[in-house]
Amino acid sequence: MTHPQHQTVVVTGSTGGIGRATARAFGERGASVALLARGRAGLEAAQRDVEHAGGKALAIPTDTADHEQVEAAAARVEEELGPIDVWVNVAFTSVFSPFWEISPEEFTRVTEVSYLGFVYGTMSALRRMKPRDHGTIVQVGSALAYRGIPLQTAYCGAKHAIQGFNEALRCELLHERSNVHVTMVQMPGVNTPQFRWVLSRLPNKAQPVPPIYQPEIPANAVLYAADHPERREYWVGGSTVGTLIANKFAAGLLDRYLARTGFSSQQTDEKCDPDQPANLWEPADSDRDFGAHGVFDSRSTSRSYQLWASQHHGLLGAIGAGVAGVAAAGLVAGRARR
């Protein structure tokens, strides 16, 4: 694996939230980071973040729903920064709304950005990585890749699609014994700017489903996944683990639970601002930088014990085996004394 300081990394959706925090984290390791997003102000600020952190940044205005723009961006990255080692797909958009209030055009746009954008990014990355037999693609997913929730039909559909696409692609690469890896990181509710710039038809302001994590937690997970891509996926946050387990064993009960709680848990007590920007068709951060964090800092946590456990499951397994061994030895000794 290329030493982190010498990596060339592409991050889509790099002007806000998880993408912004991930780009900055790679910059802290001295990587060359290509920033793909639409908003001019956001891109300029993200570039400053990466460079201030110690990395080299290349900002490329890109709509990931346009495969020609994505391919042109990938070619420019390799020309100006060198061969791409890691490609991180993050870019998305959504609509907070009951399904029957979403137009076909809006649903199509969400799907093109939030699903096909990942497909196009993966295509461009593989076009360069496979001939070299080297590289890693990290898909930023969500607990909603397995468990749909109300008011996010378009986003949940896209995340489910990414999950199936990524599994199929991983099988193909394993079949070829390729040294190119794909892995997916399933995220919890995160304090990102999306809740103030995604198109919303909700009566109140949108919020992540608690517990809410700061974006640096997912960014840490993305870097770890990029360094350890042999695992098929990573789960971030205890809420993600709980949701996926509950969905596996009690999906019908979870349907009814979310029908009762899923509307209120995704909204604050404040009325929605009728002038709130919407980034569905145009970037919300063309003239204003929103940064990595949303407006929920006071309610967000910067720790995830589950993530640490996930990254150290080998150590925990060894400790568990050791404890079991000591217990077994004690039991044998106790019996011998009888």
C-alpha atoms as a PDB file:
ATOM      1  CA  MET A   1       0.000   0.000   0.000  1.00  0.00           C
ATOM      2  CA  THR A   2       1.225   3.522  -0.830  1.00  0.00           C
ATOM      3  CA  HIS A   3       2.401   5.384   2.236  1.00  0.00           C
ATOM      4  CA  PRO A   4      -0.373   7.833   3.283  1.00  0.00           C
ATOM      5  CA  GLN A   5       1.851  10.896   2.900  1.00  0.00           C
ATOM      6  CA  HIS A   6       2.302  10.127  -0.781  1.00  0.00           C
ATOM      7  CA  GLN A   7      -1.296   9.354  -1.629  1.00  0.00           C
ATOM      8  CA  THR A   8      -3.364  11.005  -4.315  1.00  0.00           C
ATOM      9  CA  VAL A   9      -6.956  11.053  -3.120  1.00  0.00           C
ATOM     10  CA  VAL A  10     -10.216  12.120  -4.791  1.00  0.00           C
ATOM     11  CA  VAL A  11     -13.153  13.129  -2.570  1.00  0.00           C
ATOM     12  CA  THR A  12     -16.508  13.903  -4.173  1.00  0.00           C
ATOM     13  CA  GLY A  13     -18.949  16.100  -2.256  1.00  0.00           C
ATOM     14  CA  SER A  14     -15.958  17.610  -0.500  1.00  0.00           C
ATOM     15  CA  THR A  15     -17.367  21.039   0.388  1.00  0.00           C
ATOM     16  CA  GLY A  16     -19.505  20.028   3.365  1.00  0.00           C
ATOM     17  CA  GLY A  17     -20.109  17.448   6.050  1.00  0.00           C
ATOM     18  CA  ILE A  18     -18.387  14.076   5.803  1.00  0.00           C
ATOM     19  CA  GLY A  19     -16.705  14.929   2.503  1.00  0.00           C
ATOM     20  CA  ARG A  20     -15.223  18.144   3.875  1.00  0.00           C
ATOM     21  CA  ALA A  21     -13.986  16.472   7.071  1.00  0.00           C
ATOM     22  CA  THR A  22     -12.552  13.566   5.065  1.00  0.00           C
ATOM     23  CA  ALA A  23     -10.661  15.845   2.682  1.00  0.00           C
ATOM     24  CA  ARG A  24      -9.187  17.769   5.615  1.00  0.00           C
ATOM     25  CA  ALA A  25      -8.199  14.512   7.368  1.00  0.00           C
ATOM     26  CA  PHE A  26      -6.345  13.280   4.286  1.00  0.00           C
ATOM     27  CA  GLY A  27      -4.673  16.694   4.100  1.00  0.00           C
ATOM     28  CA  GLU A  28      -3.431  16.251   7.661  1.00  0.00           C
ATOM     29  CA  ARG A  29      -1.583  13.149   6.455  1.00  0.00           C
ATOM     30  CA  GLY A  30       0.118  15.141   3.712  1.00  0.00           C
ATOM     31  CA  ALA A  31      -1.900  13.669   0.857  1.00  0.00           C
ATOM     32  CA  SER A  32      -2.670  15.357  -2.430  1.00  0.00           C
ATOM     33  CA  VAL A  33      -6.438  15.782  -2.379  1.00  0.00           C
ATOM     34  CA  ALA A  34      -8.667  16.475  -5.367  1.00  0.00           C
ATOM     35  CA  LEU A  35     -11.906  18.167  -4.322  1.00  0.00           C
ATOM     36  CA  LEU A  36     -14.911  17.472  -6.559  1.00  0.00           C
ATOM     37  CA  ALA A  37     -18.054  19.493  -5.883  1.00  0.00           C
ATOM     38  CA  ARG A  38     -20.182  22.238  -7.432  1.00  0.00           C
ATOM     39  CA  GLY A  39     -20.096  25.264  -5.122  1.00  0.00           C
ATOM     40  CA  ARG A  40     -17.372  27.838  -5.787  1.00  0.00           C
ATOM     41  CA  ALA A  41     -17.202  29.259  -2.263  1.00  0.00           C
ATOM     42  CA  GLY A  42     -17.307  25.815  -0.726  1.00  0.00           C
ATOM     43  CA  LEU A  43     -14.544  24.531  -2.993  1.00  0.00           C
ATOM     44  CA  GLU A  44     -12.300  27.495  -2.259  1.00  0.00           C
ATOM     45  CA  ALA A  45     -12.765  27.055   1.483  1.00  0.00           C
ATOM     46  CA  ALA A  46     -12.214  23.287   1.305  1.00  0.00           C
ATOM     47  CA  GLN A  47      -8.997  23.895  -0.629  1.00  0.00           C
ATOM     48  CA  ARG A  48      -7.786  26.241   2.111  1.00  0.00           C
ATOM     49  CA  ASP A  49      -8.681  23.631   4.728  1.00  0.00           C
ATOM     50  CA  VAL A  50      -6.618  20.913   3.057  1.00  0.00           C
ATOM     51  CA  GLU A  51      -3.638  23.174   2.455  1.00  0.00           C
ATOM     52  CA  HIS A  52      -3.730  24.563   5.996  1.00  0.00           C
ATOM     53  CA  ALA A  53      -3.789  20.979   7.287  1.00  0.00           C
ATOM     54  CA  GLY A  54      -0.581  20.212   5.397  1.00  0.00           C
ATOM     55  CA  GLY A  55      -1.823  18.625   2.175  1.00  0.00           C
ATOM     56  CA  LYS A  56      -1.916  19.665  -1.453  1.00  0.00           C
ATOM     57  CA  ALA A  57      -5.351  20.510  -2.849  1.00  0.00           C
ATOM     58  CA  LEU A  58      -6.843  20.668  -6.330  1.00  0.00           C
ATOM     59  CA  ALA A  59     -10.395  22.021  -6.533  1.00  0.00           C
ATOM     60  CA  ILE A  60     -12.353  20.898  -9.610  1.00  0.00           C
ATOM     61  CA  PRO A  61     -15.940  22.124 -10.083  1.00  0.00           C
ATOM     62  CA  THR A  62     -17.843  18.932 -10.898  1.00  0.00           C
ATOM     63  CA  ASP A  63     -21.445  17.792 -11.030  1.00  0.00           C
ATOM     64  CA  THR A  64     -21.097  14.089 -10.261  1.00  0.00           C
ATOM     65  CA  ALA A  65     -24.410  13.370 -12.006  1.00  0.00           C
ATOM     66  CA  ASP A  66     -22.605  14.119 -15.306  1.00  0.00           C
ATOM     67  CA  HIS A  67     -20.303  11.214 -16.185  1.00  0.00           C
ATOM     68  CA  GLU A  68     -18.358  13.331 -18.683  1.00  0.00           C
ATOM     69  CA  GLN A  69     -17.536  15.890 -15.983  1.00  0.00           C
ATOM     70  CA  VAL A  70     -16.454  13.126 -13.611  1.00  0.00           C
ATOM     71  CA  GLU A  71     -14.227  11.525 -16.238  1.00  0.00           C
ATOM     72  CA  ALA A  72     -12.683  14.884 -17.152  1.00  0.00           C
ATOM     73  CA  ALA A  73     -11.995  15.561 -13.476  1.00  0.00           C
ATOM     74  CA  ALA A  74     -10.297  12.166 -13.049  1.00  0.00           C
ATOM     75  CA  ALA A  75      -8.073  12.830 -16.070  1.00  0.00           C
ATOM     76  CA  ARG A  76      -7.108  16.239 -14.676  1.00  0.00           C
ATOM     77  CA  VAL A  77      -6.292  14.757 -11.272  1.00  0.00           C
ATOM     78  CA  GLU A  78      -3.866  12.249 -12.745  1.00  0.00           C
ATOM     79  CA  GLU A  79      -2.302  14.909 -14.945  1.00  0.00           C
ATOM     80  CA  GLU A  80      -1.759  17.423 -12.118  1.00  0.00           C
ATOM     81  CA  LEU A  81      -1.453  15.292  -8.971  1.00  0.00           C
ATOM     82  CA  GLY A  82      -0.414  11.846 -10.200  1.00  0.00           C
ATOM     83  CA  PRO A  83      -1.975   8.372 -10.187  1.00  0.00           C
ATOM     84  CA  ILE A  84      -5.097   8.117  -8.039  1.00  0.00           C
ATOM     85  CA  ASP A  85      -4.608   5.852  -5.010  1.00  0.00           C
ATOM     86  CA  VAL A  86      -7.931   6.410  -3.223  1.00  0.00           C
ATOM     87  CA  TRP A  87     -11.305   7.542  -4.536  1.00  0.00           C
ATOM     88  CA  VAL A  88     -13.972   8.436  -1.954  1.00  0.00           C
ATOM     89  CA  ASN A  89     -17.583   8.799  -3.148  1.00  0.00           C
ATOM     90  CA  VAL A  90     -19.573  11.074  -0.824  1.00  0.00           C
ATOM     91  CA  ALA A  91     -21.567  13.522  -2.984  1.00  0.00           C
ATOM     92  CA  PHE A  92     -25.337  13.377  -2.646  1.00  0.00           C
ATOM     93  CA  THR A  93     -28.509  15.413  -2.584  1.00  0.00           C
ATOM     94  CA  SER A  94     -31.991  14.615  -1.348  1.00  0.00           C
ATOM     95  CA  VAL A  95     -35.549  15.787  -0.760  1.00  0.00           C
ATOM     96  CA  PHE A  96     -37.122  15.746   2.707  1.00  0.00           C
ATOM     97  CA  SER A  97     -40.728  15.026   1.843  1.00  0.00           C
ATOM     98  CA  PRO A  98     -43.440  12.389   1.726  1.00  0.00           C
ATOM     99  CA  PHE A  99     -42.999  10.416  -1.467  1.00  0.00           C
ATOM    100  CA  TRP A 100     -46.241  11.644  -3.046  1.00  0.00           C
ATOM    101  CA  GLU A 101     -45.042  15.251  -2.851  1.00  0.00           C
ATOM    102  CA  ILE A 102     -41.833  14.589  -4.835  1.00  0.00           C
ATOM    103  CA  SER A 103     -41.937  15.189  -8.579  1.00  0.00           C
ATOM    104  CA  PRO A 104     -40.514  12.642 -11.048  1.00  0.00           C
ATOM    105  CA  GLU A 105     -37.858  15.178 -12.052  1.00  0.00           C
ATOM    106  CA  GLU A 106     -36.778  15.660  -8.433  1.00  0.00           C
ATOM    107  CA  PHE A 107     -36.600  11.929  -7.785  1.00  0.00           C
ATOM    108  CA  THR A 108     -34.562  11.466 -10.942  1.00  0.00           C
ATOM    109  CA  ARG A 109     -32.134  14.191  -9.917  1.00  0.00           C
ATOM    110  CA  VAL A 110     -31.589  12.692  -6.460  1.00  0.00           C
ATOM    111  CA  THR A 111     -30.960   9.290  -8.032  1.00  0.00           C
ATOM    112  CA  GLU A 112     -28.526  10.698 -10.587  1.00  0.00           C
ATOM    113  CA  VAL A 113     -26.449  12.516  -7.965  1.00  0.00           C
ATOM    114  CA  SER A 114     -26.709  10.158  -5.002  1.00  0.00           C
ATOM    115  CA  TYR A 115     -26.512   6.832  -6.842  1.00  0.00           C
ATOM    116  CA  LEU A 116     -25.256   7.290 -10.393  1.00  0.00           C
ATOM    117  CA  GLY A 117     -22.678   9.800  -9.152  1.00  0.00           C
ATOM    118  CA  PHE A 118     -21.137   6.940  -7.158  1.00  0.00           C
ATOM    119  CA  VAL A 119     -21.300   4.691 -10.221  1.00  0.00           C
ATOM    120  CA  TYR A 120     -19.621   7.279 -12.451  1.00  0.00           C
ATOM    121  CA  GLY A 121     -16.921   7.989  -9.860  1.00  0.00           C
ATOM    122  CA  THR A 122     -16.241   4.278  -9.485  1.00  0.00           C
ATOM    123  CA  MET A 123     -16.063   3.836 -13.258  1.00  0.00           C
ATOM    124  CA  SER A 124     -13.517   6.624 -13.656  1.00  0.00           C
ATOM    125  CA  ALA A 125     -11.459   5.335 -10.745  1.00  0.00           C
ATOM    126  CA  LEU A 126     -11.434   1.740 -12.008  1.00  0.00           C
ATOM    127  CA  ARG A 127     -10.529   2.877 -15.507  1.00  0.00           C
ATOM    128  CA  ARG A 128      -7.222   4.029 -14.017  1.00  0.00           C
ATOM    129  CA  MET A 129      -6.716   1.647 -11.100  1.00  0.00           C
ATOM    130  CA  LYS A 130      -7.352  -1.703 -12.808  1.00  0.00           C
ATOM    131  CA  PRO A 131      -4.513  -1.452 -15.372  1.00  0.00           C
ATOM    132  CA  ARG A 132      -2.147  -0.646 -12.485  1.00  0.00           C
ATOM    133  CA  ASP A 133      -3.708  -3.344 -10.257  1.00  0.00           C
ATOM    134  CA  HIS A 134      -3.674  -0.869  -7.394  1.00  0.00           C
ATOM    135  CA  GLY A 135      -6.135   1.426  -5.662  1.00  0.00           C
ATOM    136  CA  THR A 136      -9.026   1.689  -3.246  1.00  0.00           C
ATOM    137  CA  ILE A 137     -12.567   3.002  -3.673  1.00  0.00           C
ATOM    138  CA  VAL A 138     -14.532   3.901  -0.549  1.00  0.00           C
ATOM    139  CA  GLN A 139     -18.302   4.286  -0.854  1.00  0.00           C
ATOM    140  CA  VAL A 140     -19.799   6.421   1.900  1.00  0.00           C
ATOM    141  CA  GLY A 141     -23.059   4.730   2.744  1.00  0.00           C
ATOM    142  CA  SER A 142     -25.570   4.906   5.545  1.00  0.00           C
ATOM    143  CA  ALA A 143     -27.600   2.736   7.861  1.00  0.00           C
ATOM    144  CA  LEU A 144     -30.313   3.696   5.352  1.00  0.00           C
ATOM    145  CA  ALA A 145     -28.578   1.464   2.792  1.00  0.00           C
ATOM    146  CA  TYR A 146     -30.275  -1.388   4.657  1.00  0.00           C
ATOM    147  CA  ARG A 147     -33.192   0.279   6.439  1.00  0.00           C
ATOM    148  CA  GLY A 148     -35.482   2.758   4.721  1.00  0.00           C
ATOM    149  CA  ILE A 149     -37.111   5.494   6.780  1.00  0.00           C
ATOM    150  CA  PRO A 150     -40.045   7.811   6.044  1.00  0.00           C
ATOM    151  CA  LEU A 151     -39.539  11.236   4.425  1.00  0.00           C
ATOM    152  CA  GLN A 152     -36.353  10.080   2.645  1.00  0.00           C
ATOM    153  CA  THR A 153     -37.571   7.730  -0.092  1.00  0.00           C
ATOM    154  CA  ALA A 154     -35.243   9.094  -2.781  1.00  0.00           C
ATOM    155  CA  TYR A 155     -32.154   9.051  -0.568  1.00  0.00           C
ATOM    156  CA  CYS A 156     -32.921   5.586   0.871  1.00  0.00           C
ATOM    157  CA  GLY A 157     -33.460   4.225  -2.638  1.00  0.00           C
ATOM    158  CA  ALA A 158     -30.075   5.591  -3.729  1.00  0.00           C
ATOM    159  CA  LYS A 159     -28.244   4.169  -0.717  1.00  0.00           C
ATOM    160  CA  HIS A 160     -29.861   0.754  -1.204  1.00  0.00           C
ATOM    161  CA  ALA A 161     -28.781   0.875  -4.855  1.00  0.00           C
ATOM    162  CA  ILE A 162     -25.187   1.714  -3.924  1.00  0.00           C
ATOM    163  CA  GLN A 163     -25.147  -1.218  -1.519  1.00  0.00           C
ATOM    164  CA  GLY A 164     -26.195  -3.711  -4.195  1.00  0.00           C
ATOM    165  CA  PHE A 165     -23.908  -2.200  -6.815  1.00  0.00           C
ATOM    166  CA  ASN A 166     -20.911  -2.252  -4.485  1.00  0.00           C
ATOM    167  CA  GLU A 167     -21.486  -5.874  -3.429  1.00  0.00           C
ATOM    168  CA  ALA A 168     -21.712  -7.013  -7.045  1.00  0.00           C
ATOM    169  CA  LEU A 169     -18.584  -5.080  -8.040  1.00  0.00           C
ATOM    170  CA  ARG A 170     -16.654  -6.469  -5.078  1.00  0.00           C
ATOM    171  CA  CYS A 171     -17.479 -10.002  -6.195  1.00  0.00           C
ATOM    172  CA  GLU A 172     -16.196  -9.239  -9.692  1.00  0.00           C
ATOM    173  CA  LEU A 173     -12.904  -7.857  -8.364  1.00  0.00           C
ATOM    174  CA  LEU A 174     -12.482 -10.856  -6.063  1.00  0.00           C
ATOM    175  CA  HIS A 175     -13.130 -13.157  -9.017  1.00  0.00           C
ATOM    176  CA  GLU A 176     -10.260 -11.502 -10.884  1.00  0.00           C
ATOM    177  CA  ARG A 177      -8.028 -11.588  -7.778  1.00  0.00           C
ATOM    178  CA  SER A 178      -7.573  -7.873  -8.316  1.00  0.00           C
ATOM    179  CA  ASN A 179      -5.522  -5.732  -5.961  1.00  0.00           C
ATOM    180  CA  VAL A 180      -8.053  -2.957  -6.461  1.00  0.00           C
ATOM    181  CA  HIS A 181     -10.393  -2.869  -3.479  1.00  0.00           C
ATOM    182  CA  VAL A 182     -13.869  -1.493  -2.869  1.00  0.00           C
ATOM    183  CA  THR A 183     -15.344  -1.074   0.583  1.00  0.00           C
ATOM    184  CA  MET A 184     -18.332   0.729   2.077  1.00  0.00           C
ATOM    185  CA  VAL A 185     -18.760   2.701   5.303  1.00  0.00           C
ATOM    186  CA  GLN A 186     -22.287   2.801   6.735  1.00  0.00           C
ATOM    187  CA  MET A 187     -22.937   6.053   8.594  1.00  0.00           C
ATOM    188  CA  PRO A 188     -25.267   7.166  11.420  1.00  0.00           C
ATOM    189  CA  GLY A 189     -26.955  10.561  11.791  1.00  0.00           C
ATOM    190  CA  VAL A 190     -24.253  13.208  11.304  1.00  0.00           C
ATOM    191  CA  ASN A 191     -24.097  16.950  12.020  1.00  0.00           C
ATOM    192  CA  THR A 192     -23.682  18.137   8.425  1.00  0.00           C
ATOM    193  CA  PRO A 193     -24.945  21.227   6.546  1.00  0.00           C
ATOM    194  CA  GLN A 194     -27.342  19.098   4.480  1.00  0.00           C
ATOM    195  CA  PHE A 195     -30.185  19.774   6.909  1.00  0.00           C
ATOM    196  CA  ARG A 196     -30.070  23.445   5.954  1.00  0.00           C
ATOM    197  CA  TRP A 197     -29.523  23.092   2.227  1.00  0.00           C
ATOM    198  CA  VAL A 198     -31.447  20.019   1.078  1.00  0.00           C
ATOM    199  CA  LEU A 199     -34.841  20.674  -0.520  1.00  0.00           C
ATOM    200  CA  SER A 200     -37.440  20.240   2.214  1.00  0.00           C
ATOM    201  CA  ARG A 201     -41.236  20.198   2.228  1.00  0.00           C
ATOM    202  CA  LEU A 202     -41.455  19.433   5.933  1.00  0.00           C
ATOM    203  CA  PRO A 203     -43.380  21.853   8.166  1.00  0.00           C
ATOM    204  CA  ASN A 204     -40.444  22.098  10.613  1.00  0.00           C
ATOM    205  CA  LYS A 205     -36.686  22.237  10.157  1.00  0.00           C
ATOM    206  CA  ALA A 206     -35.046  18.919   9.360  1.00  0.00           C
ATOM    207  CA  GLN A 207     -32.569  17.235  11.684  1.00  0.00           C
ATOM    208  CA  PRO A 208     -30.525  14.006  11.787  1.00  0.00           C
ATOM    209  CA  VAL A 209     -32.103  11.120  13.670  1.00  0.00           C
ATOM    210  CA  PRO A 210     -30.396  11.179  17.099  1.00  0.00           C
ATOM    211  CA  PRO A 211     -27.836  10.295  18.335  1.00  0.00           C
ATOM    212  CA  ILE A 212     -25.932  12.803  16.204  1.00  0.00           C
ATOM    213  CA  TYR A 213     -22.228  12.431  15.474  1.00  0.00           C
ATOM    214  CA  GLN A 214     -19.746  15.097  14.423  1.00  0.00           C
ATOM    215  CA  PRO A 215     -18.444  14.588  10.842  1.00  0.00           C
ATOM    216  CA  GLU A 216     -14.906  13.936  12.041  1.00  0.00           C
ATOM    217  CA  ILE A 217     -16.070  10.527  13.353  1.00  0.00           C
ATOM    218  CA  PRO A 218     -17.158   9.322   9.879  1.00  0.00           C
ATOM    219  CA  ALA A 219     -14.044  10.901   8.358  1.00  0.00           C
ATOM    220  CA  ASN A 220     -11.900   8.826  10.703  1.00  0.00           C
ATOM    221  CA  ALA A 221     -13.805   5.740   9.568  1.00  0.00           C
ATOM    222  CA  VAL A 222     -13.283   6.590   5.888  1.00  0.00           C
ATOM    223  CA  LEU A 223      -9.522   6.950   6.367  1.00  0.00           C
ATOM    224  CA  TYR A 224      -9.386   3.672   8.254  1.00  0.00           C
ATOM    225  CA  ALA A 225     -11.397   1.946   5.523  1.00  0.00           C
ATOM    226  CA  ALA A 226      -9.059   3.358   2.874  1.00  0.00           C
ATOM    227  CA  ASP A 227      -6.093   1.932   4.786  1.00  0.00           C
ATOM    228  CA  HIS A 228      -7.834  -1.420   5.457  1.00  0.00           C
ATOM    229  CA  PRO A 229     -10.048  -1.995   2.389  1.00  0.00           C
ATOM    230  CA  GLU A 230     -10.067  -5.781   2.555  1.00  0.00           C
ATOM    231  CA  ARG A 231     -13.157  -5.659   4.795  1.00  0.00           C
ATOM    232  CA  ARG A 232     -16.362  -5.451   2.787  1.00  0.00           C
ATOM    233  CA  GLU A 233     -17.855  -2.709   4.979  1.00  0.00           C
ATOM    234  CA  TYR A 234     -17.635  -0.786   8.227  1.00  0.00           C
ATOM    235  CA  TRP A 235     -20.435   0.352  10.536  1.00  0.00           C
ATOM    236  CA  VAL A 236     -20.095   3.680  12.330  1.00  0.00           C
ATOM    237  CA  GLY A 237     -21.958   4.417  15.549  1.00  0.00           C
ATOM    238  CA  GLY A 238     -23.946   2.308  17.957  1.00  0.00           C
ATOM    239  CA  SER A 239     -27.164   3.581  16.383  1.00  0.00           C
ATOM    240  CA  THR A 240     -26.126   2.128  13.007  1.00  0.00           C
ATOM    241  CA  VAL A 241     -25.405  -1.248  14.577  1.00  0.00           C
ATOM    242  CA  GLY A 242     -28.701  -1.222  16.484  1.00  0.00           C
ATOM    243  CA  THR A 243     -30.695  -0.230  13.404  1.00  0.00           C
ATOM    244  CA  LEU A 244     -29.187  -2.887  11.173  1.00  0.00           C
ATOM    245  CA  ILE A 245     -29.590  -5.638  13.742  1.00  0.00           C
ATOM    246  CA  ALA A 246     -33.197  -4.631  14.470  1.00  0.00           C
ATOM    247  CA  ASN A 247     -33.970  -4.564  10.760  1.00  0.00           C
ATOM    248  CA  LYS A 248     -32.483  -8.030  10.287  1.00  0.00           C
ATOM    249  CA  PHE A 249     -34.529  -9.676  13.005  1.00  0.00           C
ATOM    250  CA  ALA A 250     -37.644  -7.510  13.362  1.00  0.00           C
ATOM    251  CA  ALA A 251     -38.142  -5.539  10.139  1.00  0.00           C
ATOM    252  CA  GLY A 252     -41.942  -5.550  10.386  1.00  0.00           C
ATOM    253  CA  LEU A 253     -41.914  -4.192  13.938  1.00  0.00           C
ATOM    254  CA  LEU A 254     -39.382  -1.570  12.856  1.00  0.00           C
ATOM    255  CA  ASP A 255     -41.753  -0.508  10.051  1.00  0.00           C
ATOM    256  CA  ARG A 256     -44.439   0.240  12.599  1.00  0.00           C
ATOM    257  CA  TYR A 257     -42.039   1.904  15.020  1.00  0.00           C
ATOM    258  CA  LEU A 258     -40.727   4.244  12.293  1.00  0.00           C
ATOM    259  CA  ALA A 259     -44.276   4.973  11.134  1.00  0.00           C
ATOM    260  CA  ARG A 260     -44.951   6.303  14.653  1.00  0.00           C
ATOM    261  CA  THR A 261     -41.630   8.045  15.350  1.00  0.00           C
ATOM    262  CA  GLY A 262     -39.883   8.635  12.019  1.00  0.00           C
ATOM    263  CA  PHE A 263     -41.684  11.888  11.194  1.00  0.00           C
ATOM    264  CA  SER A 264     -41.089  13.668  14.503  1.00  0.00           C
ATOM    265  CA  SER A 265     -37.533  12.378  15.021  1.00  0.00           C
ATOM    266  CA  GLN A 266     -36.396  14.006  11.766  1.00  0.00           C
ATOM    267  CA  GLN A 267     -37.748  17.468  12.602  1.00  0.00           C
ATOM    268  CA  THR A 268     -36.969  20.083  15.225  1.00  0.00           C
ATOM    269  CA  ASP A 269     -39.579  22.226  16.972  1.00  0.00           C
ATOM    270  CA  GLU A 270     -38.723  25.214  14.749  1.00  0.00           C
ATOM    271  CA  LYS A 271     -40.786  26.061  11.676  1.00  0.00           C
ATOM    272  CA  CYS A 272     -39.054  25.556   8.344  1.00  0.00           C
ATOM    273  CA  ASP A 273     -37.516  28.700   6.865  1.00  0.00           C
ATOM    274  CA  PRO A 274     -39.315  29.414   3.559  1.00  0.00           C
ATOM    275  CA  ASP A 275     -36.110  31.062   2.260  1.00  0.00           C
ATOM    276  CA  GLN A 276     -33.887  28.067   3.053  1.00  0.00           C
ATOM    277  CA  PRO A 277     -31.568  27.285   0.112  1.00  0.00           C
ATOM    278  CA  ALA A 278     -32.001  24.049  -1.815  1.00  0.00           C
ATOM    279  CA  ASN A 279     -29.046  22.427  -3.536  1.00  0.00           C
ATOM    280  CA  LEU A 280     -30.998  19.984  -5.687  1.00  0.00           C
ATOM    281  CA  TRP A 281     -30.457  21.792  -8.975  1.00  0.00           C
ATOM    282  CA  GLU A 282     -27.889  24.450  -8.057  1.00  0.00           C
ATOM    283  CA  PRO A 283     -25.203  24.386  -5.337  1.00  0.00           C
ATOM    284  CA  ALA A 284     -26.145  26.137  -2.107  1.00  0.00           C
ATOM    285  CA  ASP A 285     -22.526  27.052  -1.406  1.00  0.00           C
ATOM    286  CA  SER A 286     -21.714  29.026  -4.544  1.00  0.00           C
ATOM    287  CA  ASP A 287     -21.438  32.314  -2.633  1.00  0.00           C
ATOM    288  CA  ARG A 288     -21.286  31.075   0.973  1.00  0.00           C
ATOM    289  CA  ASP A 289     -19.204  28.403   2.643  1.00  0.00           C
ATOM    290  CA  PHE A 290     -21.178  26.182   5.028  1.00  0.00           C
ATOM    291  CA  GLY A 291     -18.156  24.284   6.361  1.00  0.00           C
ATOM    292  CA  ALA A 292     -18.041  20.719   7.605  1.00  0.00           C
ATOM    293  CA  HIS A 293     -20.438  21.085  10.531  1.00  0.00           C
ATOM    294  CA  GLY A 294     -24.155  21.694  10.573  1.00  0.00           C
ATOM    295  CA  VAL A 295     -26.082  23.586  13.254  1.00  0.00           C
ATOM    296  CA  PHE A 296     -26.231  20.761  15.796  1.00  0.00           C
ATOM    297  CA  ASP A 297     -22.844  21.122  17.484  1.00  0.00           C
ATOM    298  CA  SER A 298     -24.360  21.383  20.953  1.00  0.00           C
ATOM    299  CA  ARG A 299     -26.222  18.097  20.470  1.00  0.00           C
ATOM    300  CA  SER A 300     -23.471  16.133  18.719  1.00  0.00           C
ATOM    301  CA  THR A 301     -20.872  13.749  20.060  1.00  0.00           C
ATOM    302  CA  SER A 302     -17.233  13.520  19.009  1.00  0.00           C
ATOM    303  CA  ARG A 303     -16.792   9.947  20.268  1.00  0.00           C
ATOM    304  CA  SER A 304     -17.858   6.542  19.016  1.00  0.00           C
ATOM    305  CA  TYR A 305     -16.802   3.594  21.138  1.00  0.00           C
ATOM    306  CA  GLN A 306     -18.437   1.309  18.594  1.00  0.00           C
ATOM    307  CA  LEU A 307     -16.148   2.644  15.845  1.00  0.00           C
ATOM    308  CA  TRP A 308     -13.068   2.006  17.996  1.00  0.00           C
ATOM    309  CA  ALA A 309     -14.302  -1.509  18.684  1.00  0.00           C
ATOM    310  CA  SER A 310     -14.953  -2.075  14.977  1.00  0.00           C
ATOM    311  CA  GLN A 311     -11.428  -0.972  14.085  1.00  0.00           C
ATOM    312  CA  HIS A 312      -9.897  -3.136  16.821  1.00  0.00           C
ATOM    313  CA  HIS A 313     -12.058  -6.248  16.610  1.00  0.00           C
ATOM    314  CA  GLY A 314      -8.953  -8.409  16.252  1.00  0.00           C
ATOM    315  CA  LEU A 315      -7.542  -7.070  19.507  1.00  0.00           C
ATOM    316  CA  LEU A 316     -10.892  -7.424  21.259  1.00  0.00           C
ATOM    317  CA  GLY A 317     -11.209 -10.970  19.948  1.00  0.00           C
ATOM    318  CA  ALA A 318      -7.759 -11.832  21.278  1.00  0.00           C
ATOM    319  CA  ILE A 319      -8.620 -10.309  24.658  1.00  0.00           C
ATOM    320  CA  GLY A 320     -11.890 -12.212  24.700  1.00  0.00           C
ATOM    321  CA  ALA A 321     -10.105 -15.437  23.828  1.00  0.00           C
ATOM    322  CA  GLY A 322      -7.546 -14.742  26.546  1.00  0.00           C
ATOM    323  CA  VAL A 323     -10.235 -14.124  29.148  1.00  0.00           C
ATOM    324  CA  ALA A 324     -12.029 -17.294  28.078  1.00  0.00           C
ATOM    325  CA  GLY A 325      -8.755 -19.194  28.300  1.00  0.00           C
ATOM    326  CA  VAL A 326      -8.049 -17.932  31.804  1.00  0.00           C
ATOM    327  CA  ALA A 327     -11.593 -18.803  32.871  1.00  0.00           C
ATOM    328  CA  ALA A 328     -11.269 -22.285  31.395  1.00  0.00           C
ATOM    329  CA  ALA A 329      -7.915 -22.826  33.107  1.00  0.00           C
ATOM    330  CA  GLY A 330      -9.418 -21.725  36.408  1.00  0.00           C
ATOM    331  CA  LEU A 331     -12.312 -24.117  35.927  1.00  0.00           C
ATOM    332  CA  VAL A 332      -9.946 -27.010  35.196  1.00  0.00           C
ATOM    333  CA  ALA A 333      -7.775 -26.126  38.209  1.00  0.00           C
ATOM    334  CA  GLY A 334     -10.839 -25.928  40.433  1.00  0.00           C
ATOM    335  CA  ARG A 335     -11.977 -29.367  39.331  1.00  0.00           C
ATOM    336  CA  ALA A 336      -8.501 -30.795  39.867  1.00  0.00           C
ATOM    337  CA  ARG A 337      -8.562 -29.624  43.484  1.00  0.00           C
ATOM    338  CA  ARG A 338     -11.811 -31.411  44.189  1.00  0.00           C
END
